[in-house]
Protein backbone atom coordinates (compact mmCIF):
# COMPACT_ATOMS: atom_id res chain seq x y z
CA MET A 1 -13.17 -2.17 14.15
CA GLN A 2 -10.10 0.31 14.97
CA GLN A 3 -7.82 -0.32 17.78
CA THR A 4 -7.37 2.90 19.92
CA ALA A 5 -3.72 3.31 21.43
CA GLY A 6 -3.10 1.32 24.46
CA SER A 7 -4.93 -1.47 23.10
CA ARG A 8 -3.06 -2.34 19.91
CA PRO A 9 -2.03 -6.21 19.17
CA ILE A 10 1.56 -6.85 18.24
CA ALA A 11 1.91 -9.66 15.55
CA LEU A 12 5.49 -10.96 15.14
CA LEU A 13 7.08 -12.01 11.50
CA THR A 14 10.59 -13.28 12.04
CA ASP A 15 13.09 -16.14 10.39
CA PHE A 16 14.09 -16.93 13.83
CA GLY A 17 12.33 -20.21 14.26
CA HIS A 18 12.02 -22.46 17.12
CA THR A 19 15.16 -23.81 18.63
CA ASP A 20 16.79 -20.76 19.84
CA PRO A 21 14.93 -18.42 22.39
CA PHE A 22 15.48 -15.34 20.35
CA ALA A 23 11.54 -15.10 19.46
CA GLY A 24 10.57 -15.89 23.24
CA ILE A 25 12.96 -12.68 24.02
CA LEU A 26 11.33 -10.62 21.85
CA LYS A 27 7.63 -11.36 23.85
CA GLY A 28 9.81 -10.87 27.01
CA VAL A 29 10.96 -7.26 25.98
CA ILE A 30 7.54 -6.28 24.93
CA LEU A 31 5.99 -7.51 28.15
CA SER A 32 8.54 -5.48 30.11
CA VAL A 33 7.56 -2.56 28.12
CA ASN A 34 4.01 -3.10 28.16
CA PRO A 35 2.48 -5.48 30.61
CA GLN A 36 -0.66 -5.31 28.77
CA ALA A 37 0.42 -6.04 25.27
CA ARG A 38 -1.60 -8.66 23.29
CA ILE A 39 1.16 -10.41 21.15
CA VAL A 40 0.30 -12.56 18.26
CA ASP A 41 2.89 -15.19 16.85
CA LEU A 42 2.26 -14.78 12.85
CA CYS A 43 5.36 -16.76 11.96
CA HIS A 44 8.65 -17.75 13.02
CA GLY A 45 9.29 -20.15 9.94
CA ILE A 46 10.41 -17.34 7.11
CA GLY A 47 13.72 -18.73 5.55
CA PRO A 48 17.33 -17.46 7.27
CA GLN A 49 17.92 -13.79 5.86
CA ASP A 50 14.97 -14.51 3.25
CA ILE A 51 13.90 -10.92 2.97
CA ALA A 52 11.54 -11.78 -0.36
CA HIS A 53 9.71 -14.81 1.82
CA GLY A 54 8.96 -12.27 4.88
CA ALA A 55 7.68 -9.93 2.50
CA PHE A 56 5.39 -11.87 1.05
CA VAL A 57 4.20 -13.20 4.19
CA LEU A 58 3.76 -10.35 5.82
CA GLU A 59 1.59 -8.71 2.52
CA THR A 60 -0.56 -11.79 2.11
CA SER A 61 -1.30 -11.96 5.98
CA LEU A 62 -2.09 -8.07 6.67
CA LYS A 63 -5.69 -7.47 6.06
CA TYR A 64 -6.78 -10.55 8.27
CA PHE A 65 -5.37 -8.64 11.51
CA PRO A 66 -7.64 -5.64 13.06
CA GLU A 67 -7.20 -2.15 12.23
CA GLY A 68 -4.20 -0.62 14.37
CA THR A 69 -2.19 -3.99 14.36
CA ILE A 70 1.69 -2.96 14.89
CA PHE A 71 3.56 -6.02 12.80
CA CYS A 72 7.12 -6.41 14.12
CA THR A 73 9.18 -7.86 11.07
CA VAL A 74 12.68 -8.74 11.84
CA VAL A 75 14.19 -10.53 8.89
CA ASP A 76 17.28 -8.46 8.84
CA PRO A 77 20.67 -9.68 7.54
CA GLY A 78 21.61 -6.06 7.03
CA VAL A 79 21.48 -5.89 11.12
CA GLY A 80 24.34 -3.72 12.48
CA SER A 81 24.87 -2.21 8.87
CA SER A 82 24.03 1.50 7.94
CA ARG A 83 20.40 0.31 6.90
CA ARG A 84 17.80 2.51 8.81
CA ALA A 85 14.70 1.03 11.18
CA VAL A 86 11.90 2.45 10.64
CA LEU A 87 8.30 2.50 11.46
CA VAL A 88 5.66 2.55 8.68
CA LYS A 89 2.58 3.84 9.28
CA THR A 90 -0.39 2.35 6.74
CA ALA A 91 -4.05 3.41 6.30
CA ASP A 92 -5.25 0.62 8.82
CA TYR A 93 -1.78 -0.90 10.21
CA PHE A 94 2.02 0.14 11.99
CA LEU A 95 5.21 -1.65 10.73
CA VAL A 96 8.43 -1.80 12.53
CA GLY A 97 11.14 -3.45 11.28
CA PRO A 98 14.85 -2.88 8.80
CA ASP A 99 14.59 -0.98 6.04
CA ASN A 100 15.49 -3.71 3.60
CA GLY A 101 12.29 -3.92 1.42
CA VAL A 102 10.86 -6.45 3.69
CA LEU A 103 7.95 -3.83 4.51
CA TRP A 104 7.74 -2.58 1.45
CA PRO A 105 5.13 -5.04 -0.56
CA ALA A 106 2.79 -4.92 2.64
CA ALA A 107 3.11 -0.96 3.27
CA ARG A 108 2.43 -0.26 -0.44
CA LYS A 109 -0.79 -2.48 -0.62
CA ASN A 110 -2.23 -0.81 2.33
CA THR A 111 -0.69 2.47 0.98
CA ILE A 112 1.89 4.36 3.21
CA LYS A 113 0.59 7.40 4.95
CA LYS A 114 3.89 8.21 7.16
CA VAL A 115 7.64 6.53 7.32
CA VAL A 116 9.77 7.28 10.54
CA ASN A 117 13.40 6.89 10.93
CA LEU A 118 13.74 4.95 14.33
CA THR A 119 16.63 7.30 16.27
CA SER A 120 15.25 8.20 19.52
CA PRO A 121 17.15 5.77 21.99
CA ILE A 122 15.41 6.43 24.94
CA TYR A 123 12.88 3.87 23.31
CA PHE A 124 15.50 1.65 22.82
CA LEU A 125 16.88 -1.07 25.22
CA SER A 126 19.65 0.72 27.26
CA SER A 127 22.15 -1.33 25.53
CA VAL A 128 21.90 -1.86 21.54
CA SER A 129 23.89 -4.69 20.41
CA SER A 130 25.20 -4.83 16.44
CA THR A 131 23.71 -8.07 16.17
CA PHE A 132 19.97 -8.46 17.44
CA HIS A 133 18.29 -5.18 16.87
CA GLY A 134 14.86 -7.07 17.27
CA ARG A 135 15.17 -7.24 20.81
CA ASP A 136 17.04 -4.12 21.67
CA ILE A 137 14.99 -1.65 18.97
CA PHE A 138 12.22 -3.35 17.33
CA ALA A 139 10.49 -4.98 20.12
CA PRO A 140 10.33 -2.11 22.79
CA VAL A 141 9.69 0.32 19.60
CA ALA A 142 6.60 -1.78 19.09
CA ALA A 143 5.83 -2.03 22.79
CA HIS A 144 6.19 1.67 23.45
CA LEU A 145 3.57 1.95 20.27
CA SER A 146 1.26 -0.61 21.34
CA ALA A 147 1.05 1.37 24.56
CA GLY A 148 0.11 5.00 22.93
CA THR A 149 3.28 6.74 22.15
CA ASP A 150 3.00 9.00 19.42
CA PRO A 151 4.74 7.52 16.03
CA ALA A 152 6.53 11.36 15.61
CA ALA A 153 8.23 10.46 19.34
CA PHE A 154 10.51 8.09 17.73
CA GLY A 155 12.30 9.83 15.09
CA PRO A 156 12.29 11.99 12.30
CA GLU A 157 9.68 11.28 9.24
CA ILE A 158 11.12 10.24 5.79
CA SER A 159 10.00 10.22 2.54
CA ASP A 160 10.90 7.16 1.24
CA LEU A 161 11.09 3.54 1.88
CA THR A 162 13.56 0.69 0.53
CA ILE A 163 12.22 -0.79 -2.68
CA LEU A 164 11.80 -4.48 -2.84
CA ALA A 165 12.46 -5.56 -6.40
CA ALA A 166 10.07 -8.62 -5.98
CA ALA A 167 10.57 -10.77 -8.98
CA GLY A 168 7.25 -11.31 -11.08
CA PRO A 169 6.71 -13.82 -13.97
CA GLU A 170 8.75 -13.48 -16.70
CA PRO A 171 7.55 -13.22 -20.42
CA PHE A 172 9.06 -15.29 -22.65
CA GLU A 173 7.65 -16.11 -26.40
CA ALA A 174 5.78 -19.27 -25.55
CA GLY A 175 4.65 -18.45 -21.81
CA LEU A 176 5.95 -17.39 -18.42
CA VAL A 177 9.08 -18.34 -16.24
CA LEU A 178 7.52 -18.37 -12.95
CA THR A 179 9.34 -18.32 -9.67
CA VAL A 180 8.41 -20.56 -6.45
CA ASN A 181 8.21 -17.68 -3.66
CA HIS A 182 6.75 -20.16 -0.64
CA ILE A 183 6.16 -23.85 0.23
CA ASP A 184 4.20 -24.28 2.72
CA THR A 185 4.17 -26.80 5.79
CA PHE A 186 2.13 -29.13 3.53
CA GLY A 187 4.76 -28.61 0.76
CA ASN A 188 2.15 -26.98 -1.37
CA ILE A 189 4.07 -24.56 -4.03
CA GLY A 190 3.36 -20.96 -3.96
CA LEU A 191 4.09 -19.79 -7.34
CA ASN A 192 4.97 -15.73 -8.01
CA LEU A 193 1.68 -15.67 -10.19
CA GLY A 194 -1.78 -14.22 -9.29
CA TRP A 195 -4.96 -15.51 -10.75
CA GLU A 196 -6.06 -12.77 -12.80
CA ARG A 197 -3.18 -13.87 -15.07
CA PHE A 198 -2.89 -17.37 -14.96
CA LYS A 199 -6.73 -17.30 -15.85
CA PRO A 200 -6.21 -17.09 -19.83
CA PHE A 201 -3.94 -20.10 -19.40
CA CYS A 202 -6.35 -22.01 -17.54
CA ASP A 203 -9.26 -21.13 -19.88
CA SER A 204 -7.01 -22.24 -23.09
CA GLY A 205 -5.32 -24.94 -21.66
CA PHE A 206 -1.74 -24.95 -19.99
CA CYS A 207 1.09 -26.98 -19.44
CA LEU A 208 3.23 -26.02 -16.06
CA THR A 209 6.74 -28.31 -16.58
CA VAL A 210 8.73 -28.87 -13.26
CA ASN A 211 11.68 -30.85 -13.48
CA GLN A 212 10.70 -32.87 -16.51
CA VAL A 213 6.90 -33.28 -15.27
CA GLU A 214 4.23 -31.52 -17.46
CA ILE A 215 1.50 -30.50 -14.59
CA THR A 216 -1.60 -29.71 -16.84
CA ARG A 217 -4.85 -29.52 -14.53
CA TYR A 218 -6.50 -27.15 -12.67
CA TYR A 219 -8.75 -27.87 -9.64
CA GLU A 220 -10.64 -25.61 -7.14
CA SER A 221 -9.76 -27.24 -3.84
CA TYR A 222 -7.46 -30.14 -2.70
CA ALA A 223 -10.31 -32.78 -2.12
CA MET A 224 -11.48 -32.15 -6.31
CA ALA A 225 -7.91 -33.74 -7.40
CA PRO A 226 -7.14 -37.28 -7.75
CA GLU A 227 -4.39 -39.13 -5.28
CA ASN A 228 -0.67 -38.52 -6.61
CA THR A 229 -1.32 -36.06 -9.62
CA PRO A 230 0.03 -32.72 -9.08
CA PHE A 231 -2.30 -29.82 -10.07
CA VAL A 232 -2.32 -26.37 -10.09
CA LEU A 233 -5.28 -24.32 -7.64
CA LYS A 234 -5.69 -20.74 -6.30
CA SER A 235 -4.26 -20.89 -2.84
CA SER A 236 -5.88 -18.81 0.19
CA THR A 237 -3.30 -16.35 -0.51
CA GLY A 238 -4.61 -15.03 -4.13
CA TYR A 239 -1.93 -16.56 -5.92
CA MET A 240 -1.51 -19.88 -7.64
CA GLU A 241 -0.11 -23.00 -6.10
CA ILE A 242 1.03 -26.41 -7.13
CA ALA A 243 -0.04 -29.13 -4.80
CA VAL A 244 -0.20 -32.86 -4.73
CA LYS A 245 -3.27 -34.27 -2.94
CA ASN A 246 -2.36 -35.96 0.31
CA ARG A 247 1.42 -35.32 -0.24
CA HIS A 248 4.59 -33.03 -0.27
CA ALA A 249 4.23 -31.57 -3.69
CA ALA A 250 7.96 -29.70 -3.08
CA LYS A 251 9.35 -33.41 -2.16
CA MET A 252 7.62 -35.40 -4.63
CA LEU A 253 8.42 -32.96 -7.62
CA GLY A 254 11.98 -32.02 -5.97
CA VAL A 255 11.42 -28.58 -5.50
CA SER A 256 12.89 -25.74 -3.27
CA GLN A 257 12.38 -22.07 -3.02
CA ASN A 258 13.38 -19.42 -5.67
CA ASP A 259 13.51 -22.54 -8.68
CA LYS A 260 12.00 -21.52 -11.69
CA ILE A 261 8.75 -23.18 -12.95
CA ILE A 262 7.68 -22.78 -16.75
CA LEU A 263 4.31 -22.11 -17.88
CA HIS A 264 2.88 -22.45 -21.52
CA TYR A 265 -0.10 -22.79 -23.78
CA GLY A 266 -1.01 -26.10 -25.30
CA ALA A 267 -2.73 -28.33 -22.91
CA ASP A 268 -6.41 -29.89 -22.72
CA SER A 269 -8.30 -27.32 -20.64
CA SER A 270 -10.43 -29.78 -19.00
CA ASN A 271 -10.22 -30.01 -15.44
CA ILE A 272 -12.06 -33.55 -14.73
């Protein structure tokens, strides 16, 4: 159901963590502008200054929210620089945040309708710092938008949005070089590889090489896999991941975000 102006929820996505008060301050600003605002904590555990991680979480979460949701995204290593602050209207949502690529994959996926450069200070806090635009610009803009302010009031429409050059699988003669784009709370290792591109490897037999460990098994669920054995499955995001049943796969395999992993043909295709 399309949300009407004045009832649009605000989803917060940041790299602030939970040790400092920054995420709570965003909520305080939003509620000061619009006391009726409905706020959802999408995630505050994005890696510090990790634009690609933030973009991945935003892109893979977007479709599970009602139409009209405002995503206030603050992963902003360029705060205080000349990078623009923007509001993106897509087919179904509003994206508010820095124009550094973090909004790009989600915006493109949901079809960009309009991009507004946030330049109208009457919708910012009265004093704008050079280090906390999440508090001083993005949160109040999201709050005013949730209360029904027309997107055109926040500044001029612009024709471009910064593109995130996200790393895709890199082909080589024997297969693909993959990148770890996410490690979740359970230690599952998210890869930059969708099911359609993985399926030919799965059908023919594959081998993933991770720090000299060879992974050759695919299962459709965690429950189907044996204990203590790394395997591949299609995650809820639609991307492939490496997991170990009831274990922290990343710690077990010594894997970190942005590590490279080799996928090639050549193993028994049996899933048992």
